[in-house]
Amino acid sequence: VTAGYSLMFRDFVANGFNAGGGLN
């Protein structure tokens, strides 16, 4: 499982978050 901070950018910068889970 994972979670953390996200930074989104294009001609702007936006703060965000992310969360999820997976399998290797």
mmCIF file of all heavy atoms, coordinates in Angstrom:
data_MODEL
# 
_entry.id   MODEL 
# 
loop_
_atom_site.group_PDB 
_atom_site.id 
_atom_site.type_symbol 
_atom_site.label_atom_id 
_atom_site.label_alt_id 
_atom_site.label_comp_id 
_atom_site.label_asym_id 
_atom_site.label_entity_id 
_atom_site.label_seq_id 
_atom_site.pdbx_PDB_ins_code 
_atom_site.Cartn_x 
_atom_site.Cartn_y 
_atom_site.Cartn_z 
_atom_site.occupancy 
_atom_site.B_iso_or_equiv 
_atom_site.pdbx_formal_charge 
_atom_site.auth_seq_id 
_atom_site.auth_comp_id 
_atom_site.auth_asym_id 
_atom_site.auth_atom_id 
_atom_site.pdbx_PDB_model_num 
ATOM 1   N N   . VAL A 1 1  ? 0.870  -1.177 0.000   1.00 0.00 ? 1  VAL A N   1 
ATOM 2   C CA  . VAL A 1 1  ? 0.000  0.000  0.000   1.00 0.00 ? 1  VAL A CA  1 
ATOM 3   C C   . VAL A 1 1  ? 0.903  1.221  0.000   1.00 0.00 ? 1  VAL A C   1 
ATOM 4   O O   . VAL A 1 1  ? 2.042  1.162  0.477   1.00 0.00 ? 1  VAL A O   1 
ATOM 5   C CB  . VAL A 1 1  ? -0.987 0.027  1.189   1.00 0.00 ? 1  VAL A CB  1 
ATOM 6   C CG1 . VAL A 1 1  ? -1.991 -1.094 1.079   1.00 0.00 ? 1  VAL A CG1 1 
ATOM 7   C CG2 . VAL A 1 1  ? -0.259 -0.034 2.512   1.00 0.00 ? 1  VAL A CG2 1 
ATOM 8   N N   . THR A 1 2  ? 0.409  2.316  -0.555  1.00 0.00 ? 2  THR A N   1 
ATOM 9   C CA  . THR A 1 2  ? 1.212  3.524  -0.679  1.00 0.00 ? 2  THR A CA  1 
ATOM 10  C C   . THR A 1 2  ? 0.334  4.761  -0.550  1.00 0.00 ? 2  THR A C   1 
ATOM 11  O O   . THR A 1 2  ? -0.856 4.717  -0.863  1.00 0.00 ? 2  THR A O   1 
ATOM 12  C CB  . THR A 1 2  ? 1.968  3.534  -2.038  1.00 0.00 ? 2  THR A CB  1 
ATOM 13  O OG1 . THR A 1 2  ? 2.801  4.676  -2.097  1.00 0.00 ? 2  THR A OG1 1 
ATOM 14  C CG2 . THR A 1 2  ? 1.012  3.525  -3.214  1.00 0.00 ? 2  THR A CG2 1 
ATOM 15  N N   . ALA A 1 3  ? 0.928  5.837  -0.079  1.00 0.00 ? 3  ALA A N   1 
ATOM 16  C CA  . ALA A 1 3  ? 0.227  7.125  0.004   1.00 0.00 ? 3  ALA A CA  1 
ATOM 17  C C   . ALA A 1 3  ? 1.277  8.222  0.120   1.00 0.00 ? 3  ALA A C   1 
ATOM 18  O O   . ALA A 1 3  ? 2.401  7.973  0.556   1.00 0.00 ? 3  ALA A O   1 
ATOM 19  C CB  . ALA A 1 3  ? -0.706 7.165  1.206   1.00 0.00 ? 3  ALA A CB  1 
ATOM 20  N N   . GLY A 1 4  ? 0.892  9.429  -0.296  1.00 0.00 ? 4  GLY A N   1 
ATOM 21  C CA  . GLY A 1 4  ? 1.832  10.533 -0.165  1.00 0.00 ? 4  GLY A CA  1 
ATOM 22  C C   . GLY A 1 4  ? 1.378  11.806 -0.841  1.00 0.00 ? 4  GLY A C   1 
ATOM 23  O O   . GLY A 1 4  ? 0.212  11.972 -1.202  1.00 0.00 ? 4  GLY A O   1 
ATOM 24  N N   . TYR A 1 5  ? 2.338  12.675 -1.038  1.00 0.00 ? 5  TYR A N   1 
ATOM 25  C CA  . TYR A 1 5  ? 2.143  14.008 -1.609  1.00 0.00 ? 5  TYR A CA  1 
ATOM 26  C C   . TYR A 1 5  ? 2.291  13.949 -3.128  1.00 0.00 ? 5  TYR A C   1 
ATOM 27  O O   . TYR A 1 5  ? 3.176  13.261 -3.638  1.00 0.00 ? 5  TYR A O   1 
ATOM 28  C CB  . TYR A 1 5  ? 3.186  14.957 -1.020  1.00 0.00 ? 5  TYR A CB  1 
ATOM 29  C CG  . TYR A 1 5  ? 3.265  16.293 -1.709  1.00 0.00 ? 5  TYR A CG  1 
ATOM 30  C CD1 . TYR A 1 5  ? 2.307  17.274 -1.474  1.00 0.00 ? 5  TYR A CD1 1 
ATOM 31  C CD2 . TYR A 1 5  ? 4.289  16.573 -2.606  1.00 0.00 ? 5  TYR A CD2 1 
ATOM 32  C CE1 . TYR A 1 5  ? 2.371  18.505 -2.100  1.00 0.00 ? 5  TYR A CE1 1 
ATOM 33  C CE2 . TYR A 1 5  ? 4.370  17.797 -3.239  1.00 0.00 ? 5  TYR A CE2 1 
ATOM 34  C CZ  . TYR A 1 5  ? 3.409  18.760 -2.982  1.00 0.00 ? 5  TYR A CZ  1 
ATOM 35  O OH  . TYR A 1 5  ? 3.481  19.966 -3.623  1.00 0.00 ? 5  TYR A OH  1 
ATOM 36  N N   . SER A 1 6  ? 1.454  14.662 -3.844  1.00 0.00 ? 6  SER A N   1 
ATOM 37  C CA  . SER A 1 6  ? 1.559  14.784 -5.298  1.00 0.00 ? 6  SER A CA  1 
ATOM 38  C C   . SER A 1 6  ? 1.696  16.240 -5.689  1.00 0.00 ? 6  SER A C   1 
ATOM 39  O O   . SER A 1 6  ? 1.028  17.111 -5.129  1.00 0.00 ? 6  SER A O   1 
ATOM 40  C CB  . SER A 1 6  ? 0.315  14.212 -5.992  1.00 0.00 ? 6  SER A CB  1 
ATOM 41  O OG  . SER A 1 6  ? 0.266  12.816 -5.872  1.00 0.00 ? 6  SER A OG  1 
ATOM 42  N N   . LEU A 1 7  ? 2.540  16.490 -6.657  1.00 0.00 ? 7  LEU A N   1 
ATOM 43  C CA  . LEU A 1 7  ? 2.707  17.809 -7.257  1.00 0.00 ? 7  LEU A CA  1 
ATOM 44  C C   . LEU A 1 7  ? 2.287  17.682 -8.713  1.00 0.00 ? 7  LEU A C   1 
ATOM 45  O O   . LEU A 1 7  ? 2.790  16.818 -9.428  1.00 0.00 ? 7  LEU A O   1 
ATOM 46  C CB  . LEU A 1 7  ? 4.169  18.249 -7.167  1.00 0.00 ? 7  LEU A CB  1 
ATOM 47  C CG  . LEU A 1 7  ? 4.493  19.588 -7.822  1.00 0.00 ? 7  LEU A CG  1 
ATOM 48  C CD1 . LEU A 1 7  ? 3.987  20.719 -6.928  1.00 0.00 ? 7  LEU A CD1 1 
ATOM 49  C CD2 . LEU A 1 7  ? 5.981  19.712 -8.039  1.00 0.00 ? 7  LEU A CD2 1 
ATOM 50  N N   . MET A 1 8  ? 1.345  18.494 -9.138  1.00 0.00 ? 8  MET A N   1 
ATOM 51  C CA  . MET A 1 8  ? 0.867  18.466 -10.522 1.00 0.00 ? 8  MET A CA  1 
ATOM 52  C C   . MET A 1 8  ? 1.271  19.764 -11.186 1.00 0.00 ? 8  MET A C   1 
ATOM 53  O O   . MET A 1 8  ? 1.222  20.825 -10.561 1.00 0.00 ? 8  MET A O   1 
ATOM 54  C CB  . MET A 1 8  ? -0.644 18.275 -10.553 1.00 0.00 ? 8  MET A CB  1 
ATOM 55  C CG  . MET A 1 8  ? -1.059 16.981 -9.935  1.00 0.00 ? 8  MET A CG  1 
ATOM 56  S SD  . MET A 1 8  ? -2.834 16.801 -9.864  1.00 0.00 ? 8  MET A SD  1 
ATOM 57  C CE  . MET A 1 8  ? -2.939 15.248 -9.025  1.00 0.00 ? 8  MET A CE  1 
ATOM 58  N N   . PHE A 1 9  ? 1.672  19.668 -12.451 1.00 0.00 ? 9  PHE A N   1 
ATOM 59  C CA  . PHE A 1 9  ? 2.162  20.874 -13.123 1.00 0.00 ? 9  PHE A CA  1 
ATOM 60  C C   . PHE A 1 9  ? 1.872  20.808 -14.618 1.00 0.00 ? 9  PHE A C   1 
ATOM 61  O O   . PHE A 1 9  ? 1.772  19.747 -15.212 1.00 0.00 ? 9  PHE A O   1 
ATOM 62  C CB  . PHE A 1 9  ? 3.663  21.066 -12.873 1.00 0.00 ? 9  PHE A CB  1 
ATOM 63  C CG  . PHE A 1 9  ? 4.511  19.880 -13.187 1.00 0.00 ? 9  PHE A CG  1 
ATOM 64  C CD1 . PHE A 1 9  ? 5.067  19.706 -14.440 1.00 0.00 ? 9  PHE A CD1 1 
ATOM 65  C CD2 . PHE A 1 9  ? 4.758  18.920 -12.221 1.00 0.00 ? 9  PHE A CD2 1 
ATOM 66  C CE1 . PHE A 1 9  ? 5.852  18.617 -14.728 1.00 0.00 ? 9  PHE A CE1 1 
ATOM 67  C CE2 . PHE A 1 9  ? 5.546  17.812 -12.504 1.00 0.00 ? 9  PHE A CE2 1 
ATOM 68  C CZ  . PHE A 1 9  ? 6.101  17.660 -13.765 1.00 0.00 ? 9  PHE A CZ  1 
ATOM 69  N N   . ARG A 1 10 ? 1.694  21.949 -15.188 1.00 0.00 ? 10 ARG A N   1 
ATOM 70  C CA  . ARG A 1 10 ? 1.607  22.196 -16.633 1.00 0.00 ? 10 ARG A CA  1 
ATOM 71  C C   . ARG A 1 10 ? 1.988  23.649 -16.808 1.00 0.00 ? 10 ARG A C   1 
ATOM 72  O O   . ARG A 1 10 ? 3.151  23.983 -16.698 1.00 0.00 ? 10 ARG A O   1 
ATOM 73  C CB  . ARG A 1 10 ? 0.210  21.879 -17.169 1.00 0.00 ? 10 ARG A CB  1 
ATOM 74  C CG  . ARG A 1 10 ? 0.185  21.841 -18.696 1.00 0.00 ? 10 ARG A CG  1 
ATOM 75  C CD  . ARG A 1 10 ? -1.167 21.510 -19.274 1.00 0.00 ? 10 ARG A CD  1 
ATOM 76  N NE  . ARG A 1 10 ? -2.028 22.672 -19.165 1.00 0.00 ? 10 ARG A NE  1 
ATOM 77  C CZ  . ARG A 1 10 ? -3.331 22.624 -18.989 1.00 0.00 ? 10 ARG A CZ  1 
ATOM 78  N NH1 . ARG A 1 10 ? -3.951 21.485 -18.912 1.00 0.00 ? 10 ARG A NH1 1 
ATOM 79  N NH2 . ARG A 1 10 ? -4.029 23.711 -18.911 1.00 0.00 ? 10 ARG A NH2 1 
ATOM 80  N N   . ASP A 1 11 ? 1.031  24.525 -17.026 1.00 0.00 ? 11 ASP A N   1 
ATOM 81  C CA  . ASP A 1 11 ? 1.306  25.957 -16.989 1.00 0.00 ? 11 ASP A CA  1 
ATOM 82  C C   . ASP A 1 11 ? 0.874  26.511 -15.630 1.00 0.00 ? 11 ASP A C   1 
ATOM 83  O O   . ASP A 1 11 ? 0.627  27.689 -15.461 1.00 0.00 ? 11 ASP A O   1 
ATOM 84  C CB  . ASP A 1 11 ? 0.612  26.687 -18.136 1.00 0.00 ? 11 ASP A CB  1 
ATOM 85  C CG  . ASP A 1 11 ? -0.872 26.380 -18.217 1.00 0.00 ? 11 ASP A CG  1 
ATOM 86  O OD1 . ASP A 1 11 ? -1.356 25.517 -17.440 1.00 0.00 ? 11 ASP A OD1 1 
ATOM 87  O OD2 . ASP A 1 11 ? -1.558 26.984 -19.047 1.00 0.00 ? 11 ASP A OD2 1 
ATOM 88  N N   . PHE A 1 12 ? 0.777  25.625 -14.648 1.00 0.00 ? 12 PHE A N   1 
ATOM 89  C CA  . PHE A 1 12 ? 0.428  25.921 -13.272 1.00 0.00 ? 12 PHE A CA  1 
ATOM 90  C C   . PHE A 1 12 ? 1.129  24.883 -12.401 1.00 0.00 ? 12 PHE A C   1 
ATOM 91  O O   . PHE A 1 12 ? 1.681  23.916 -12.887 1.00 0.00 ? 12 PHE A O   1 
ATOM 92  C CB  . PHE A 1 12 ? -1.090 25.844 -13.057 1.00 0.00 ? 12 PHE A CB  1 
ATOM 93  C CG  . PHE A 1 12 ? -1.653 24.481 -13.343 1.00 0.00 ? 12 PHE A CG  1 
ATOM 94  C CD1 . PHE A 1 12 ? -1.695 23.505 -12.347 1.00 0.00 ? 12 PHE A CD1 1 
ATOM 95  C CD2 . PHE A 1 12 ? -2.124 24.153 -14.604 1.00 0.00 ? 12 PHE A CD2 1 
ATOM 96  C CE1 . PHE A 1 12 ? -2.192 22.238 -12.619 1.00 0.00 ? 12 PHE A CE1 1 
ATOM 97  C CE2 . PHE A 1 12 ? -2.636 22.896 -14.878 1.00 0.00 ? 12 PHE A CE2 1 
ATOM 98  C CZ  . PHE A 1 12 ? -2.665 21.935 -13.883 1.00 0.00 ? 12 PHE A CZ  1 
ATOM 99  N N   . VAL A 1 13 ? 1.097  25.089 -11.107 1.00 0.00 ? 13 VAL A N   1 
ATOM 100 C CA  . VAL A 1 13 ? 1.584  24.106 -10.145 1.00 0.00 ? 13 VAL A CA  1 
ATOM 101 C C   . VAL A 1 13 ? 0.472  23.915 -9.121  1.00 0.00 ? 13 VAL A C   1 
ATOM 102 O O   . VAL A 1 13 ? -0.079 24.886 -8.611  1.00 0.00 ? 13 VAL A O   1 
ATOM 103 C CB  . VAL A 1 13 ? 2.879  24.578 -9.446  1.00 0.00 ? 13 VAL A CB  1 
ATOM 104 C CG1 . VAL A 1 13 ? 3.305  23.597 -8.375  1.00 0.00 ? 13 VAL A CG1 1 
ATOM 105 C CG2 . VAL A 1 13 ? 3.988  24.778 -10.453 1.00 0.00 ? 13 VAL A CG2 1 
ATOM 106 N N   . ALA A 1 14 ? 0.126  22.650 -8.837  1.00 0.00 ? 14 ALA A N   1 
ATOM 107 C CA  . ALA A 1 14 ? -0.944 22.353 -7.877  1.00 0.00 ? 14 ALA A CA  1 
ATOM 108 C C   . ALA A 1 14 ? -0.466 21.294 -6.889  1.00 0.00 ? 14 ALA A C   1 
ATOM 109 O O   . ALA A 1 14 ? 0.231  20.357 -7.261  1.00 0.00 ? 14 ALA A O   1 
ATOM 110 C CB  . ALA A 1 14 ? -2.185 21.850 -8.615  1.00 0.00 ? 14 ALA A CB  1 
ATOM 111 N N   . ASN A 1 15 ? -0.854 21.469 -5.645  1.00 0.00 ? 15 ASN A N   1 
ATOM 112 C CA  . ASN A 1 15 ? -0.552 20.490 -4.599  1.00 0.00 ? 15 ASN A CA  1 
ATOM 113 C C   . ASN A 1 15 ? -1.670 19.469 -4.539  1.00 0.00 ? 15 ASN A C   1 
ATOM 114 O O   . ASN A 1 15 ? -2.824 19.779 -4.821  1.00 0.00 ? 15 ASN A O   1 
ATOM 115 C CB  . ASN A 1 15 ? -0.429 21.185 -3.239  1.00 0.00 ? 15 ASN A CB  1 
ATOM 116 C CG  . ASN A 1 15 ? 0.741  22.118 -3.198  1.00 0.00 ? 15 ASN A CG  1 
ATOM 117 O OD1 . ASN A 1 15 ? 1.859  21.721 -3.524  1.00 0.00 ? 15 ASN A OD1 1 
ATOM 118 N ND2 . ASN A 1 15 ? 0.504  23.360 -2.819  1.00 0.00 ? 15 ASN A ND2 1 
ATOM 119 N N   . GLY A 1 16 ? -1.318 18.247 -4.131  1.00 0.00 ? 16 GLY A N   1 
ATOM 120 C CA  . GLY A 1 16 ? -2.322 17.210 -4.021  1.00 0.00 ? 16 GLY A CA  1 
ATOM 121 C C   . GLY A 1 16 ? -1.855 16.055 -3.171  1.00 0.00 ? 16 GLY A C   1 
ATOM 122 O O   . GLY A 1 16 ? -0.886 16.153 -2.426  1.00 0.00 ? 16 GLY A O   1 
ATOM 123 N N   . PHE A 1 17 ? -2.550 14.957 -3.290  1.00 0.00 ? 17 PHE A N   1 
ATOM 124 C CA  . PHE A 1 17 ? -2.220 13.745 -2.546  1.00 0.00 ? 17 PHE A CA  1 
ATOM 125 C C   . PHE A 1 17 ? -2.468 12.549 -3.451  1.00 0.00 ? 17 PHE A C   1 
ATOM 126 O O   . PHE A 1 17 ? -3.085 12.656 -4.511  1.00 0.00 ? 17 PHE A O   1 
ATOM 127 C CB  . PHE A 1 17 ? -3.085 13.634 -1.283  1.00 0.00 ? 17 PHE A CB  1 
ATOM 128 C CG  . PHE A 1 17 ? -4.530 13.346 -1.577  1.00 0.00 ? 17 PHE A CG  1 
ATOM 129 C CD1 . PHE A 1 17 ? -5.004 12.048 -1.637  1.00 0.00 ? 17 PHE A CD1 1 
ATOM 130 C CD2 . PHE A 1 17 ? -5.417 14.385 -1.829  1.00 0.00 ? 17 PHE A CD2 1 
ATOM 131 C CE1 . PHE A 1 17 ? -6.332 11.782 -1.933  1.00 0.00 ? 17 PHE A CE1 1 
ATOM 132 C CE2 . PHE A 1 17 ? -6.755 14.134 -2.122  1.00 0.00 ? 17 PHE A CE2 1 
ATOM 133 C CZ  . PHE A 1 17 ? -7.206 12.823 -2.170  1.00 0.00 ? 17 PHE A CZ  1 
ATOM 134 N N   . ASN A 1 18 ? -1.988 11.393 -3.024  1.00 0.00 ? 18 ASN A N   1 
ATOM 135 C CA  . ASN A 1 18 ? -2.274 10.155 -3.726  1.00 0.00 ? 18 ASN A CA  1 
ATOM 136 C C   . ASN A 1 18 ? -2.306 9.015  -2.725  1.00 0.00 ? 18 ASN A C   1 
ATOM 137 O O   . ASN A 1 18 ? -1.688 9.093  -1.662  1.00 0.00 ? 18 ASN A O   1 
ATOM 138 C CB  . ASN A 1 18 ? -1.264 9.895  -4.847  1.00 0.00 ? 18 ASN A CB  1 
ATOM 139 C CG  . ASN A 1 18 ? 0.096  9.542  -4.324  1.00 0.00 ? 18 ASN A CG  1 
ATOM 140 O OD1 . ASN A 1 18 ? 0.344  8.397  -3.975  1.00 0.00 ? 18 ASN A OD1 1 
ATOM 141 N ND2 . ASN A 1 18 ? 0.985  10.530 -4.232  1.00 0.00 ? 18 ASN A ND2 1 
ATOM 142 N N   . ALA A 1 19 ? -3.046 7.969  -3.066  1.00 0.00 ? 19 ALA A N   1 
ATOM 143 C CA  . ALA A 1 19 ? -3.129 6.772  -2.231  1.00 0.00 ? 19 ALA A CA  1 
ATOM 144 C C   . ALA A 1 19 ? -3.480 5.601  -3.132  1.00 0.00 ? 19 ALA A C   1 
ATOM 145 O O   . ALA A 1 19 ? -4.149 5.767  -4.152  1.00 0.00 ? 19 ALA A O   1 
ATOM 146 C CB  . ALA A 1 19 ? -4.188 6.944  -1.146  1.00 0.00 ? 19 ALA A CB  1 
ATOM 147 N N   . GLY A 1 20 ? -3.011 4.432  -2.759  1.00 0.00 ? 20 GLY A N   1 
ATOM 148 C CA  . GLY A 1 20 ? -3.320 3.256  -3.552  1.00 0.00 ? 20 GLY A CA  1 
ATOM 149 C C   . GLY A 1 20 ? -2.670 2.012  -2.997  1.00 0.00 ? 20 GLY A C   1 
ATOM 150 O O   . GLY A 1 20 ? -2.131 2.001  -1.895  1.00 0.00 ? 20 GLY A O   1 
ATOM 151 N N   . GLY A 1 21 ? -2.724 0.993  -3.799  1.00 0.00 ? 21 GLY A N   1 
ATOM 152 C CA  . GLY A 1 21 ? -2.124 -0.275 -3.418  1.00 0.00 ? 21 GLY A CA  1 
ATOM 153 C C   . GLY A 1 21 ? -1.911 -1.110 -4.652  1.00 0.00 ? 21 GLY A C   1 
ATOM 154 O O   . GLY A 1 21 ? -2.485 -0.850 -5.715  1.00 0.00 ? 21 GLY A O   1 
ATOM 155 N N   . GLY A 1 22 ? -1.059 -2.103 -4.499  1.00 0.00 ? 22 GLY A N   1 
ATOM 156 C CA  . GLY A 1 22 ? -0.773 -2.929 -5.652  1.00 0.00 ? 22 GLY A CA  1 
ATOM 157 C C   . GLY A 1 22 ? -0.061 -4.210 -5.294  1.00 0.00 ? 22 GLY A C   1 
ATOM 158 O O   . GLY A 1 22 ? 0.038  -4.593 -4.127  1.00 0.00 ? 22 GLY A O   1 
ATOM 159 N N   . LEU A 1 23 ? 0.463  -4.833 -6.343  1.00 0.00 ? 23 LEU A N   1 
ATOM 160 C CA  . LEU A 1 23 ? 1.125  -6.119 -6.216  1.00 0.00 ? 23 LEU A CA  1 
ATOM 161 C C   . LEU A 1 23 ? 2.279  -6.177 -7.197  1.00 0.00 ? 23 LEU A C   1 
ATOM 162 O O   . LEU A 1 23 ? 2.110  -5.856 -8.377  1.00 0.00 ? 23 LEU A O   1 
ATOM 163 C CB  . LEU A 1 23 ? 0.121  -7.240 -6.533  1.00 0.00 ? 23 LEU A CB  1 
ATOM 164 C CG  . LEU A 1 23 ? 0.666  -8.653 -6.575  1.00 0.00 ? 23 LEU A CG  1 
ATOM 165 C CD1 . LEU A 1 23 ? 0.979  -9.132 -5.164  1.00 0.00 ? 23 LEU A CD1 1 
ATOM 166 C CD2 . LEU A 1 23 ? -0.341 -9.577 -7.222  1.00 0.00 ? 23 LEU A CD2 1 
ATOM 167 N N   . ASN A 1 24 ? 3.439  -6.563 -6.696  1.00 0.00 ? 24 ASN A N   1 
ATOM 168 C CA  . ASN A 1 24 ? 4.561  -6.910 -7.562  1.00 0.00 ? 24 ASN A CA  1 
ATOM 169 C C   . ASN A 1 24 ? 4.606  -8.430 -7.637  1.00 0.00 ? 24 ASN A C   1 
ATOM 170 O O   . ASN A 1 24 ? 4.598  -9.096 -6.596  1.00 0.00 ? 24 ASN A O   1 
ATOM 171 C CB  . ASN A 1 24 ? 5.896  -6.411 -6.973  1.00 0.00 ? 24 ASN A CB  1 
ATOM 172 C CG  . ASN A 1 24 ? 5.937  -4.920 -6.820  1.00 0.00 ? 24 ASN A CG  1 
ATOM 173 O OD1 . ASN A 1 24 ? 5.556  -4.197 -7.716  1.00 0.00 ? 24 ASN A OD1 1 
ATOM 174 N ND2 . ASN A 1 24 ? 6.403  -4.455 -5.674  1.00 0.00 ? 24 ASN A ND2 1 
# 
